[in-house]
Amino acid sequence: MISTGTAGRVTVTRDAAGRPFDWQLVTEGLLAIKSSPERPENAAVAVNYRNSWFYIDDSDLDSKSTFSLLGQIYQLQAGSAKRAGPEGVEGRMPGIISTSTPACCFQTGGL
């Protein structure tokens, strides 16, 4: 992959032949972000950015699972992950990480 050129403020990643790189080859359907000029009615998560809506379709279970995993990885990296488990068993059971998305970034459900 060779990353050259921009489209607005976004860097366009190109392959060795200079064609735009197809990121679906890397993600293999694990994460599909859709866009729309209108507010989506069927979004699991959505964000309005520069007059466009970017969202994950509520029926796309693979993308929702991948997005949840990315949220968990972010929480681990940010140090905000909390342990959950029965009281008094601290240290004897692996923790369960919360899958909540930071409220500052996304609108969930009922769009």
PDB file of N, CA and C in Angstrom:
ATOM      1  N   MET A   1       0.841  -1.179   0.000  1.00  0.00           N
ATOM      2  CA  MET A   1       0.000   0.000   0.000  1.00  0.00           C
ATOM      3  C   MET A   1       0.880   1.234   0.000  1.00  0.00           C
ATOM      4  N   ILE A   2       0.478   2.193  -0.768  1.00  0.00           N
ATOM      5  CA  ILE A   2       1.158   3.466  -0.804  1.00  0.00           C
ATOM      6  C   ILE A   2       0.107   4.523  -0.519  1.00  0.00           C
ATOM      7  N   SER A   3       0.368   5.372   0.447  1.00  0.00           N
ATOM      8  CA  SER A   3      -0.613   6.363   0.846  1.00  0.00           C
ATOM      9  C   SER A   3      -0.210   7.720   0.267  1.00  0.00           C
ATOM     10  N   THR A   4      -0.922   8.177  -0.743  1.00  0.00           N
ATOM     11  CA  THR A   4      -0.629   9.469  -1.348  1.00  0.00           C
ATOM     12  C   THR A   4      -1.921  10.160  -1.728  1.00  0.00           C
ATOM     13  N   GLY A   5      -1.865  11.477  -1.760  1.00  0.00           N
ATOM     14  CA  GLY A   5      -3.016  12.256  -2.189  1.00  0.00           C
ATOM     15  C   GLY A   5      -4.019  12.466  -1.081  1.00  0.00           C
ATOM     16  N   THR A   6      -4.879  13.439  -1.284  1.00  0.00           N
ATOM     17  CA  THR A   6      -5.941  13.713  -0.321  1.00  0.00           C
ATOM     18  C   THR A   6      -7.241  13.960  -1.053  1.00  0.00           C
ATOM     19  N   ALA A   7      -8.319  13.713  -0.364  1.00  0.00           N
ATOM     20  CA  ALA A   7      -9.655  14.049  -0.837  1.00  0.00           C
ATOM     21  C   ALA A   7     -10.256  14.906   0.261  1.00  0.00           C
ATOM     22  N   GLY A   8     -10.210  16.198   0.077  1.00  0.00           N
ATOM     23  CA  GLY A   8     -10.589  17.088   1.168  1.00  0.00           C
ATOM     24  C   GLY A   8      -9.497  17.030   2.225  1.00  0.00           C
ATOM     25  N   ARG A   9      -9.841  16.640   3.432  1.00  0.00           N
ATOM     26  CA  ARG A   9      -8.868  16.513   4.517  1.00  0.00           C
ATOM     27  C   ARG A   9      -8.504  15.066   4.800  1.00  0.00           C
ATOM     28  N   VAL A  10      -8.935  14.143   3.949  1.00  0.00           N
ATOM     29  CA  VAL A  10      -8.716  12.723   4.171  1.00  0.00           C
ATOM     30  C   VAL A  10      -7.627  12.217   3.237  1.00  0.00           C
ATOM     31  N   THR A  11      -6.645  11.513   3.792  1.00  0.00           N
ATOM     32  CA  THR A  11      -5.616  10.907   2.962  1.00  0.00           C
ATOM     33  C   THR A  11      -6.198   9.714   2.225  1.00  0.00           C
ATOM     34  N   VAL A  12      -5.968   9.655   0.932  1.00  0.00           N
ATOM     35  CA  VAL A  12      -6.451   8.551   0.113  1.00  0.00           C
ATOM     36  C   VAL A  12      -5.328   7.517   0.014  1.00  0.00           C
ATOM     37  N   THR A  13      -5.580   6.310   0.500  1.00  0.00           N
ATOM     38  CA  THR A  13      -4.591   5.242   0.426  1.00  0.00           C
ATOM     39  C   THR A  13      -4.707   4.580  -0.934  1.00  0.00           C
ATOM     40  N   ARG A  14      -3.567   4.428  -1.606  1.00  0.00           N
ATOM     41  CA  ARG A  14      -3.543   3.844  -2.948  1.00  0.00           C
ATOM     42  C   ARG A  14      -2.658   2.612  -2.963  1.00  0.00           C
ATOM     43  N   ASP A  15      -2.942   1.694  -3.880  1.00  0.00           N
ATOM     44  CA  ASP A  15      -2.095   0.504  -4.023  1.00  0.00           C
ATOM     45  C   ASP A  15      -0.875   0.847  -4.882  1.00  0.00           C
ATOM     46  N   ALA A  16      -0.024  -0.139  -5.138  1.00  0.00           N
ATOM     47  CA  ALA A  16       1.216   0.092  -5.878  1.00  0.00           C
ATOM     48  C   ALA A  16       0.952   0.593  -7.296  1.00  0.00           C
ATOM     49  N   ALA A  17      -0.205   0.274  -7.861  1.00  0.00           N
ATOM     50  CA  ALA A  17      -0.551   0.722  -9.210  1.00  0.00           C
ATOM     51  C   ALA A  17      -1.192   2.112  -9.213  1.00  0.00           C
ATOM     52  N   GLY A  18      -1.375   2.705  -8.031  1.00  0.00           N
ATOM     53  CA  GLY A  18      -1.946   4.044  -7.936  1.00  0.00           C
ATOM     54  C   GLY A  18      -3.449   4.082  -7.810  1.00  0.00           C
ATOM     55  N   ARG A  19      -4.106   2.924  -7.762  1.00  0.00           N
ATOM     56  CA  ARG A  19      -5.561   2.870  -7.611  1.00  0.00           C
ATOM     57  C   ARG A  19      -5.927   3.024  -6.127  1.00  0.00           C
ATOM     58  N   PRO A  20      -7.100   3.594  -5.818  1.00  0.00           N
ATOM     59  CA  PRO A  20      -7.530   3.665  -4.414  1.00  0.00           C
ATOM     60  C   PRO A  20      -7.562   2.261  -3.801  1.00  0.00           C
ATOM     61  N   PHE A  21      -7.018   2.130  -2.598  1.00  0.00           N
ATOM     62  CA  PHE A  21      -6.936   0.836  -1.930  1.00  0.00           C
ATOM     63  C   PHE A  21      -8.311   0.430  -1.408  1.00  0.00           C
ATOM     64  N   ASP A  22      -8.675  -0.836  -1.599  1.00  0.00           N
ATOM     65  CA  ASP A  22      -9.952  -1.375  -1.129  1.00  0.00           C
ATOM     66  C   ASP A  22      -9.762  -1.943   0.277  1.00  0.00           C
ATOM     67  N   TRP A  23     -10.200  -1.208   1.306  1.00  0.00           N
ATOM     68  CA  TRP A  23     -10.007  -1.640   2.694  1.00  0.00           C
ATOM     69  C   TRP A  23     -10.837  -2.869   3.043  1.00  0.00           C
ATOM     70  N   GLN A  24     -11.855  -3.211   2.231  1.00  0.00           N
ATOM     71  CA  GLN A  24     -12.627  -4.425   2.480  1.00  0.00           C
ATOM     72  C   GLN A  24     -11.751  -5.662   2.327  1.00  0.00           C
ATOM     73  N   LEU A  25     -10.652  -5.550   1.573  1.00  0.00           N
ATOM     74  CA  LEU A  25      -9.718  -6.673   1.454  1.00  0.00           C
ATOM     75  C   LEU A  25      -9.054  -6.973   2.797  1.00  0.00           C
ATOM     76  N   VAL A  26      -8.887  -5.956   3.628  1.00  0.00           N
ATOM     77  CA  VAL A  26      -8.253  -6.113   4.938  1.00  0.00           C
ATOM     78  C   VAL A  26      -9.272  -6.536   5.990  1.00  0.00           C
ATOM     79  N   THR A  27     -10.413  -5.871   6.017  1.00  0.00           N
ATOM     80  CA  THR A  27     -11.394  -6.141   7.069  1.00  0.00           C
ATOM     81  C   THR A  27     -12.270  -7.344   6.760  1.00  0.00           C
ATOM     82  N   GLU A  28     -12.316  -7.780   5.512  1.00  0.00           N
ATOM     83  CA  GLU A  28     -13.078  -8.955   5.093  1.00  0.00           C
ATOM     84  C   GLU A  28     -14.503  -8.974   5.650  1.00  0.00           C
ATOM     85  N   GLY A  29     -15.159  -7.839   5.626  1.00  0.00           N
ATOM     86  CA  GLY A  29     -16.543  -7.770   6.062  1.00  0.00           C
ATOM     87  C   GLY A  29     -16.747  -7.659   7.561  1.00  0.00           C
ATOM     88  N   LEU A  30     -15.668  -7.525   8.335  1.00  0.00           N
ATOM     89  CA  LEU A  30     -15.812  -7.436   9.788  1.00  0.00           C
ATOM     90  C   LEU A  30     -16.336  -6.084  10.256  1.00  0.00           C
ATOM     91  N   LEU A  31     -16.125  -5.046   9.455  1.00  0.00           N
ATOM     92  CA  LEU A  31     -16.577  -3.717   9.851  1.00  0.00           C
ATOM     93  C   LEU A  31     -16.987  -2.939   8.616  1.00  0.00           C
ATOM     94  N   ALA A  32     -18.266  -2.668   8.500  1.00  0.00           N
ATOM     95  CA  ALA A  32     -18.795  -1.899   7.374  1.00  0.00           C
ATOM     96  C   ALA A  32     -19.415  -0.615   7.917  1.00  0.00           C
ATOM     97  N   ILE A  33     -18.787   0.514   7.605  1.00  0.00           N
ATOM     98  CA  ILE A  33     -19.310   1.820   7.997  1.00  0.00           C
ATOM     99  C   ILE A  33     -20.035   2.384   6.790  1.00  0.00           C
ATOM    100  N   LYS A  34     -21.303   2.683   6.958  1.00  0.00           N
ATOM    101  CA  LYS A  34     -22.105   3.250   5.876  1.00  0.00           C
ATOM    102  C   LYS A  34     -22.200   4.752   6.051  1.00  0.00           C
ATOM    103  N   SER A  35     -22.519   5.454   4.973  1.00  0.00           N
ATOM    104  CA  SER A  35     -22.713   6.903   5.071  1.00  0.00           C
ATOM    105  C   SER A  35     -23.990   7.293   4.349  1.00  0.00           C
ATOM    106  N   SER A  36     -24.540   8.418   4.769  1.00  0.00           N
ATOM    107  CA  SER A  36     -25.792   8.899   4.204  1.00  0.00           C
ATOM    108  C   SER A  36     -25.882  10.405   4.436  1.00  0.00           C
ATOM    109  N   PRO A  37     -26.463  11.129   3.494  1.00  0.00           N
ATOM    110  CA  PRO A  37     -26.676  12.560   3.729  1.00  0.00           C
ATOM    111  C   PRO A  37     -27.806  12.807   4.735  1.00  0.00           C
ATOM    112  N   GLU A  38     -28.680  11.816   4.876  1.00  0.00           N
ATOM    113  CA  GLU A  38     -29.822  11.912   5.799  1.00  0.00           C
ATOM    114  C   GLU A  38     -29.547  11.098   7.058  1.00  0.00           C
ATOM    115  N   ARG A  39     -30.173  11.469   8.151  1.00  0.00           N
ATOM    116  CA  ARG A  39     -30.048  10.722   9.396  1.00  0.00           C
ATOM    117  C   ARG A  39     -30.587   9.298   9.208  1.00  0.00           C
ATOM    118  N   PRO A  40     -29.770   8.269   9.488  1.00  0.00           N
ATOM    119  CA  PRO A  40     -30.228   6.891   9.255  1.00  0.00           C
ATOM    120  C   PRO A  40     -31.268   6.461  10.290  1.00  0.00           C
ATOM    121  N   GLU A  41     -32.237   5.693   9.829  1.00  0.00           N
ATOM    122  CA  GLU A  41     -33.286   5.208  10.725  1.00  0.00           C
ATOM    123  C   GLU A  41     -32.930   3.860  11.338  1.00  0.00           C
ATOM    124  N   ASN A  42     -32.028   3.116  10.722  1.00  0.00           N
ATOM    125  CA  ASN A  42     -31.720   1.753  11.151  1.00  0.00           C
ATOM    126  C   ASN A  42     -30.287   1.621  11.655  1.00  0.00           C
ATOM    127  N   ALA A  43     -29.813   2.601  12.404  1.00  0.00           N
ATOM    128  CA  ALA A  43     -28.425   2.607  12.855  1.00  0.00           C
ATOM    129  C   ALA A  43     -28.286   2.080  14.278  1.00  0.00           C
ATOM    130  N   ALA A  44     -27.260   1.249  14.484  1.00  0.00           N
ATOM    131  CA  ALA A  44     -26.914   0.825  15.839  1.00  0.00           C
ATOM    132  C   ALA A  44     -26.150   1.957  16.523  1.00  0.00           C
ATOM    133  N   VAL A  45     -25.221   2.576  15.803  1.00  0.00           N
ATOM    134  CA  VAL A  45     -24.499   3.772  16.244  1.00  0.00           C
ATOM    135  C   VAL A  45     -24.381   4.690  15.042  1.00  0.00           C
ATOM    136  N   ALA A  46     -24.369   5.995  15.279  1.00  0.00           N
ATOM    137  CA  ALA A  46     -24.268   6.954  14.188  1.00  0.00           C
ATOM    138  C   ALA A  46     -23.621   8.231  14.687  1.00  0.00           C
ATOM    139  N   VAL A  47     -22.942   8.903  13.782  1.00  0.00           N
ATOM    140  CA  VAL A  47     -22.353  10.202  14.106  1.00  0.00           C
ATOM    141  C   VAL A  47     -22.501  11.093  12.879  1.00  0.00           C
ATOM    142  N   ASN A  48     -22.855  12.345  13.119  1.00  0.00           N
ATOM    143  CA  ASN A  48     -22.949  13.319  12.047  1.00  0.00           C
ATOM    144  C   ASN A  48     -21.628  14.061  11.997  1.00  0.00           C
ATOM    145  N   TYR A  49     -20.962  14.000  10.850  1.00  0.00           N
ATOM    146  CA  TYR A  49     -19.668  14.653  10.698  1.00  0.00           C
ATOM    147  C   TYR A  49     -19.630  15.372   9.361  1.00  0.00           C
ATOM    148  N   ARG A  50     -19.458  16.675   9.403  1.00  0.00           N
ATOM    149  CA  ARG A  50     -19.373  17.504   8.200  1.00  0.00           C
ATOM    150  C   ARG A  50     -20.542  17.265   7.244  1.00  0.00           C
ATOM    151  N   ASN A  51     -21.729  17.345   7.785  1.00  0.00           N
ATOM    152  CA  ASN A  51     -22.979  17.227   7.023  1.00  0.00           C
ATOM    153  C   ASN A  51     -23.217  15.854   6.398  1.00  0.00           C
ATOM    154  N   SER A  52     -22.571  14.822   6.899  1.00  0.00           N
ATOM    155  CA  SER A  52     -22.839  13.447   6.480  1.00  0.00           C
ATOM    156  C   SER A  52     -23.001  12.586   7.720  1.00  0.00           C
ATOM    157  N   TRP A  53     -23.864  11.591   7.622  1.00  0.00           N
ATOM    158  CA  TRP A  53     -24.054  10.634   8.703  1.00  0.00           C
ATOM    159  C   TRP A  53     -23.227   9.393   8.407  1.00  0.00           C
ATOM    160  N   PHE A  54     -22.435   8.947   9.382  1.00  0.00           N
ATOM    161  CA  PHE A  54     -21.668   7.712   9.289  1.00  0.00           C
ATOM    162  C   PHE A  54     -22.247   6.786  10.354  1.00  0.00           C
ATOM    163  N   TYR A  55     -22.516   5.527   9.966  1.00  0.00           N
ATOM    164  CA  TYR A  55     -23.228   4.657  10.899  1.00  0.00           C
ATOM    165  C   TYR A  55     -22.962   3.187  10.617  1.00  0.00           C
ATOM    166  N   ILE A  56     -23.296   2.382  11.628  1.00  0.00           N
ATOM    167  CA  ILE A  56     -23.291   0.928  11.495  1.00  0.00           C
ATOM    168  C   ILE A  56     -24.748   0.488  11.493  1.00  0.00           C
ATOM    169  N   ASP A  57     -25.128  -0.244  10.455  1.00  0.00           N
ATOM    170  CA  ASP A  57     -26.496  -0.728  10.313  1.00  0.00           C
ATOM    171  C   ASP A  57     -26.826  -1.661  11.485  1.00  0.00           C
ATOM    172  N   ASP A  58     -28.006  -1.488  12.047  1.00  0.00           N
ATOM    173  CA  ASP A  58     -28.403  -2.280  13.210  1.00  0.00           C
ATOM    174  C   ASP A  58     -28.514  -3.776  12.906  1.00  0.00           C
ATOM    175  N   SER A  59     -28.697  -4.146  11.652  1.00  0.00           N
ATOM    176  CA  SER A  59     -28.805  -5.569  11.296  1.00  0.00           C
ATOM    177  C   SER A  59     -27.451  -6.210  10.994  1.00  0.00           C
ATOM    178  N   ASP A  60     -26.356  -5.435  11.021  1.00  0.00           N
ATOM    179  CA  ASP A  60     -25.016  -5.934  10.702  1.00  0.00           C
ATOM    180  C   ASP A  60     -24.318  -6.413  11.986  1.00  0.00           C
ATOM    181  N   LEU A  61     -24.538  -7.674  12.341  1.00  0.00           N
ATOM    182  CA  LEU A  61     -24.002  -8.208  13.602  1.00  0.00           C
ATOM    183  C   LEU A  61     -22.473  -8.239  13.621  1.00  0.00           C
ATOM    184  N   ASP A  62     -21.836  -8.557  12.490  1.00  0.00           N
ATOM    185  CA  ASP A  62     -20.364  -8.586  12.457  1.00  0.00           C
ATOM    186  C   ASP A  62     -19.784  -7.203  12.750  1.00  0.00           C
ATOM    187  N   SER A  63     -20.331  -6.168  12.123  1.00  0.00           N
ATOM    188  CA  SER A  63     -19.831  -4.811  12.350  1.00  0.00           C
ATOM    189  C   SER A  63     -20.104  -4.343  13.775  1.00  0.00           C
ATOM    190  N   LYS A  64     -21.283  -4.687  14.310  1.00  0.00           N
ATOM    191  CA  LYS A  64     -21.588  -4.290  15.695  1.00  0.00           C
ATOM    192  C   LYS A  64     -20.640  -4.974  16.672  1.00  0.00           C
ATOM    193  N   SER A  65     -20.328  -6.240  16.447  1.00  0.00           N
ATOM    194  CA  SER A  65     -19.398  -6.963  17.320  1.00  0.00           C
ATOM    195  C   SER A  65     -17.992  -6.381  17.219  1.00  0.00           C
ATOM    196  N   THR A  66     -17.557  -6.085  15.997  1.00  0.00           N
ATOM    197  CA  THR A  66     -16.227  -5.502  15.800  1.00  0.00           C
ATOM    198  C   THR A  66     -16.144  -4.132  16.461  1.00  0.00           C
ATOM    199  N   PHE A  67     -17.200  -3.332  16.322  1.00  0.00           N
ATOM    200  CA  PHE A  67     -17.216  -2.011  16.942  1.00  0.00           C
ATOM    201  C   PHE A  67     -17.153  -2.128  18.464  1.00  0.00           C
ATOM    202  N   SER A  68     -17.866  -3.092  19.013  1.00  0.00           N
ATOM    203  CA  SER A  68     -17.837  -3.332  20.454  1.00  0.00           C
ATOM    204  C   SER A  68     -16.424  -3.713  20.906  1.00  0.00           C
ATOM    205  N   LEU A  69     -15.770  -4.580  20.141  1.00  0.00           N
ATOM    206  CA  LEU A  69     -14.397  -4.977  20.458  1.00  0.00           C
ATOM    207  C   LEU A  69     -13.460  -3.775  20.400  1.00  0.00           C
ATOM    208  N   LEU A  70     -13.612  -2.922  19.404  1.00  0.00           N
ATOM    209  CA  LEU A  70     -12.778  -1.717  19.320  1.00  0.00           C
ATOM    210  C   LEU A  70     -12.995  -0.817  20.535  1.00  0.00           C
ATOM    211  N   GLY A  71     -14.242  -0.730  21.010  1.00  0.00           N
ATOM    212  CA  GLY A  71     -14.522   0.045  22.219  1.00  0.00           C
ATOM    213  C   GLY A  71     -13.823  -0.534  23.438  1.00  0.00           C
ATOM    214  N   GLN A  72     -13.803  -1.857  23.548  1.00  0.00           N
ATOM    215  CA  GLN A  72     -13.112  -2.510  24.658  1.00  0.00           C
ATOM    216  C   GLN A  72     -11.613  -2.265  24.585  1.00  0.00           C
ATOM    217  N   ILE A  73     -11.043  -2.358  23.392  1.00  0.00           N
ATOM    218  CA  ILE A  73      -9.606  -2.108  23.224  1.00  0.00           C
ATOM    219  C   ILE A  73      -9.281  -0.664  23.589  1.00  0.00           C
ATOM    220  N   TYR A  74     -10.135   0.274  23.173  1.00  0.00           N
ATOM    221  CA  TYR A  74      -9.939   1.674  23.520  1.00  0.00           C
ATOM    222  C   TYR A  74      -9.962   1.863  25.035  1.00  0.00           C
ATOM    223  N   GLN A  75     -10.929   1.237  25.706  1.00  0.00           N
ATOM    224  CA  GLN A  75     -11.017   1.364  27.156  1.00  0.00           C
ATOM    225  C   GLN A  75      -9.783   0.799  27.845  1.00  0.00           C
ATOM    226  N   LEU A  76      -9.278  -0.318  27.350  1.00  0.00           N
ATOM    227  CA  LEU A  76      -8.059  -0.887  27.928  1.00  0.00           C
ATOM    228  C   LEU A  76      -6.887   0.062  27.752  1.00  0.00           C
ATOM    229  N   GLN A  77      -6.744   0.614  26.551  1.00  0.00           N
ATOM    230  CA  GLN A  77      -5.644   1.524  26.272  1.00  0.00           C
ATOM    231  C   GLN A  77      -5.770   2.805  27.081  1.00  0.00           C
ATOM    232  N   ALA A  78      -6.986   3.292  27.252  1.00  0.00           N
ATOM    233  CA  ALA A  78      -7.210   4.542  27.976  1.00  0.00           C
ATOM    234  C   ALA A  78      -7.155   4.349  29.488  1.00  0.00           C
ATOM    235  N   GLY A  79      -7.153   3.103  29.940  1.00  0.00           N
ATOM    236  CA  GLY A  79      -7.108   2.845  31.373  1.00  0.00           C
ATOM    237  C   GLY A  79      -8.444   2.983  32.067  1.00  0.00           C
ATOM    238  N   SER A  80      -9.555   2.978  31.297  1.00  0.00           N
ATOM    239  CA  SER A  80     -10.868   3.165  31.910  1.00  0.00           C
ATOM    240  C   SER A  80     -11.621   1.854  32.100  1.00  0.00           C
ATOM    241  N   ALA A  81     -10.997   0.722  31.787  1.00  0.00           N
ATOM    242  CA  ALA A  81     -11.677  -0.568  31.947  1.00  0.00           C
ATOM    243  C   ALA A  81     -11.802  -0.895  33.428  1.00  0.00           C
ATOM    244  N   LYS A  82     -12.961  -1.420  33.801  1.00  0.00           N
ATOM    245  CA  LYS A  82     -13.206  -1.776  35.196  1.00  0.00           C
ATOM    246  C   LYS A  82     -13.427  -3.263  35.310  1.00  0.00           C
ATOM    247  N   ARG A  83     -12.982  -3.835  36.410  1.00  0.00           N
ATOM    248  CA  ARG A  83     -13.214  -5.254  36.696  1.00  0.00           C
ATOM    249  C   ARG A  83     -14.612  -5.443  37.222  1.00  0.00           C
ATOM    250  N   ALA A  84     -15.197  -6.551  36.851  1.00  0.00           N
ATOM    251  CA  ALA A  84     -16.517  -6.884  37.374  1.00  0.00           C
ATOM    252  C   ALA A  84     -16.498  -8.341  37.778  1.00  0.00           C
ATOM    253  N   GLY A  85     -17.092  -8.639  38.887  1.00  0.00           N
ATOM    254  CA  GLY A  85     -17.148 -10.020  39.341  1.00  0.00           C
ATOM    255  C   GLY A  85     -17.745 -10.075  40.727  1.00  0.00           C
ATOM    256  N   PRO A  86     -17.917 -11.262  41.254  1.00  0.00           N
ATOM    257  CA  PRO A  86     -18.473 -11.393  42.601  1.00  0.00           C
ATOM    258  C   PRO A  86     -17.584 -10.716  43.637  1.00  0.00           C
ATOM    259  N   GLU A  87     -18.210 -10.140  44.657  1.00  0.00           N
ATOM    260  CA  GLU A  87     -17.439  -9.510  45.725  1.00  0.00           C
ATOM    261  C   GLU A  87     -16.628 -10.547  46.477  1.00  0.00           C
ATOM    262  N   GLY A  88     -15.434 -10.160  46.894  1.00  0.00           N
ATOM    263  CA  GLY A  88     -14.601 -11.041  47.687  1.00  0.00           C
ATOM    264  C   GLY A  88     -13.795 -12.048  46.877  1.00  0.00           C
ATOM    265  N   VAL A  89     -13.928 -12.038  45.551  1.00  0.00           N
ATOM    266  CA  VAL A  89     -13.171 -12.990  44.732  1.00  0.00           C
ATOM    267  C   VAL A  89     -12.159 -12.245  43.862  1.00  0.00           C
ATOM    268  N   GLU A  90     -11.854 -11.025  44.210  1.00  0.00           N
ATOM    269  CA  GLU A  90     -10.905 -10.215  43.446  1.00  0.00           C
ATOM    270  C   GLU A  90      -9.609 -10.976  43.202  1.00  0.00           C
ATOM    271  N   GLY A  91      -9.168 -10.981  41.980  1.00  0.00           N
ATOM    272  CA  GLY A  91      -7.897 -11.630  41.661  1.00  0.00           C
ATOM    273  C   GLY A  91      -8.006 -13.100  41.321  1.00  0.00           C
ATOM    274  N   ARG A  92      -9.131 -13.746  41.588  1.00  0.00           N
ATOM    275  CA  ARG A  92      -9.266 -15.176  41.300  1.00  0.00           C
ATOM    276  C   ARG A  92     -10.039 -15.454  40.023  1.00  0.00           C
ATOM    277  N   MET A  93     -10.730 -14.437  39.484  1.00  0.00           N
ATOM    278  CA  MET A  93     -11.518 -14.625  38.266  1.00  0.00           C
ATOM    279  C   MET A  93     -11.125 -13.560  37.261  1.00  0.00           C
ATOM    280  N   PRO A  94     -11.101 -13.901  35.974  1.00  0.00           N
ATOM    281  CA  PRO A  94     -10.811 -12.860  34.979  1.00  0.00           C
ATOM    282  C   PRO A  94     -11.918 -11.819  34.974  1.00  0.00           C
ATOM    283  N   GLY A  95     -11.546 -10.554  34.749  1.00  0.00           N
ATOM    284  CA  GLY A  95     -12.529  -9.471  34.744  1.00  0.00           C
ATOM    285  C   GLY A  95     -13.350  -9.436  33.486  1.00  0.00           C
ATOM    286  N   ILE A  96     -14.461  -8.771  33.567  1.00  0.00           N
ATOM    287  CA  ILE A  96     -15.333  -8.564  32.429  1.00  0.00           C
ATOM    288  C   ILE A  96     -15.275  -7.083  32.104  1.00  0.00           C
ATOM    289  N   ILE A  97     -14.974  -6.763  30.879  1.00  0.00           N
ATOM    290  CA  ILE A  97     -14.826  -5.375  30.469  1.00  0.00           C
ATOM    291  C   ILE A  97     -16.172  -4.834  30.012  1.00  0.00           C
ATOM    292  N   SER A  98     -16.499  -3.622  30.437  1.00  0.00           N
ATOM    293  CA  SER A  98     -17.722  -2.966  29.991  1.00  0.00           C
ATOM    294  C   SER A  98     -17.637  -2.691  28.499  1.00  0.00           C
ATOM    295  N   THR A  99     -18.755  -2.841  27.787  1.00  0.00           N
ATOM    296  CA  THR A  99     -18.759  -2.586  26.351  1.00  0.00           C
ATOM    297  C   THR A  99     -19.421  -1.259  26.007  1.00  0.00           C
ATOM    298  N   SER A 100     -19.601  -0.389  26.978  1.00  0.00           N
ATOM    299  CA  SER A 100     -20.268   0.874  26.680  1.00  0.00           C
ATOM    300  C   SER A 100     -19.381   1.759  25.815  1.00  0.00           C
ATOM    301  N   THR A 101     -20.016   2.520  24.928  1.00  0.00           N
ATOM    302  CA  THR A 101     -19.325   3.443  24.037  1.00  0.00           C
ATOM    303  C   THR A 101     -19.305   4.808  24.699  1.00  0.00           C
ATOM    304  N   PRO A 102     -18.170   5.541  24.598  1.00  0.00           N
ATOM    305  CA  PRO A 102     -18.147   6.877  25.177  1.00  0.00           C
ATOM    306  C   PRO A 102     -19.294   7.718  24.637  1.00  0.00           C
ATOM    307  N   ALA A 103     -20.099   8.292  25.532  1.00  0.00           N
ATOM    308  CA  ALA A 103     -21.291   9.038  25.135  1.00  0.00           C
ATOM    309  C   ALA A 103     -20.953  10.282  24.330  1.00  0.00           C
ATOM    310  N   CYS A 104     -19.726  10.774  24.440  1.00  0.00           N
ATOM    311  CA  CYS A 104     -19.347  11.984  23.728  1.00  0.00           C
ATOM    312  C   CYS A 104     -19.284  11.787  22.227  1.00  0.00           C
ATOM    313  N   CYS A 105     -19.157  10.565  21.773  1.00  0.00           N
ATOM    314  CA  CYS A 105     -18.832  10.323  20.373  1.00  0.00           C
ATOM    315  C   CYS A 105     -19.979   9.806  19.523  1.00  0.00           C
ATOM    316  N   PHE A 106     -20.930   9.094  20.085  1.00  0.00           N
ATOM    317  CA  PHE A 106     -21.925   8.433  19.265  1.00  0.00           C
ATOM    318  C   PHE A 106     -23.313   8.560  19.861  1.00  0.00           C
ATOM    319  N   GLN A 107     -24.290   8.544  18.981  1.00  0.00           N
ATOM    320  CA  GLN A 107     -25.681   8.476  19.396  1.00  0.00           C
ATOM    321  C   GLN A 107     -26.109   7.045  19.194  1.00  0.00           C
ATOM    322  N   THR A 108     -26.728   6.453  20.188  1.00  0.00           N
ATOM    323  CA  THR A 108     -27.121   5.060  20.044  1.00  0.00           C
ATOM    324  C   THR A 108     -28.622   4.907  20.091  1.00  0.00           C
ATOM    325  N   GLY A 109     -29.114   3.919  19.351  1.00  0.00           N
ATOM    326  CA  GLY A 109     -30.522   3.553  19.382  1.00  0.00           C
ATOM    327  C   GLY A 109     -31.480   4.712  19.188  1.00  0.00           C
ATOM    328  N   GLY A 110     -32.652   4.463  18.793  1.00  0.00           N
ATOM    329  CA  GLY A 110     -33.719   5.454  18.709  1.00  0.00           C
ATOM    330  C   GLY A 110     -33.372   6.699  17.946  1.00  0.00           C
ATOM    331  N   LEU A 111     -32.561   6.586  16.918  1.00  0.00           N
ATOM    332  CA  LEU A 111     -32.243   7.775  16.145  1.00  0.00           C
ATOM    333  C   LEU A 111     -33.476   8.229  15.446  1.00  0.00           C
TER     334      LEU A 111
END
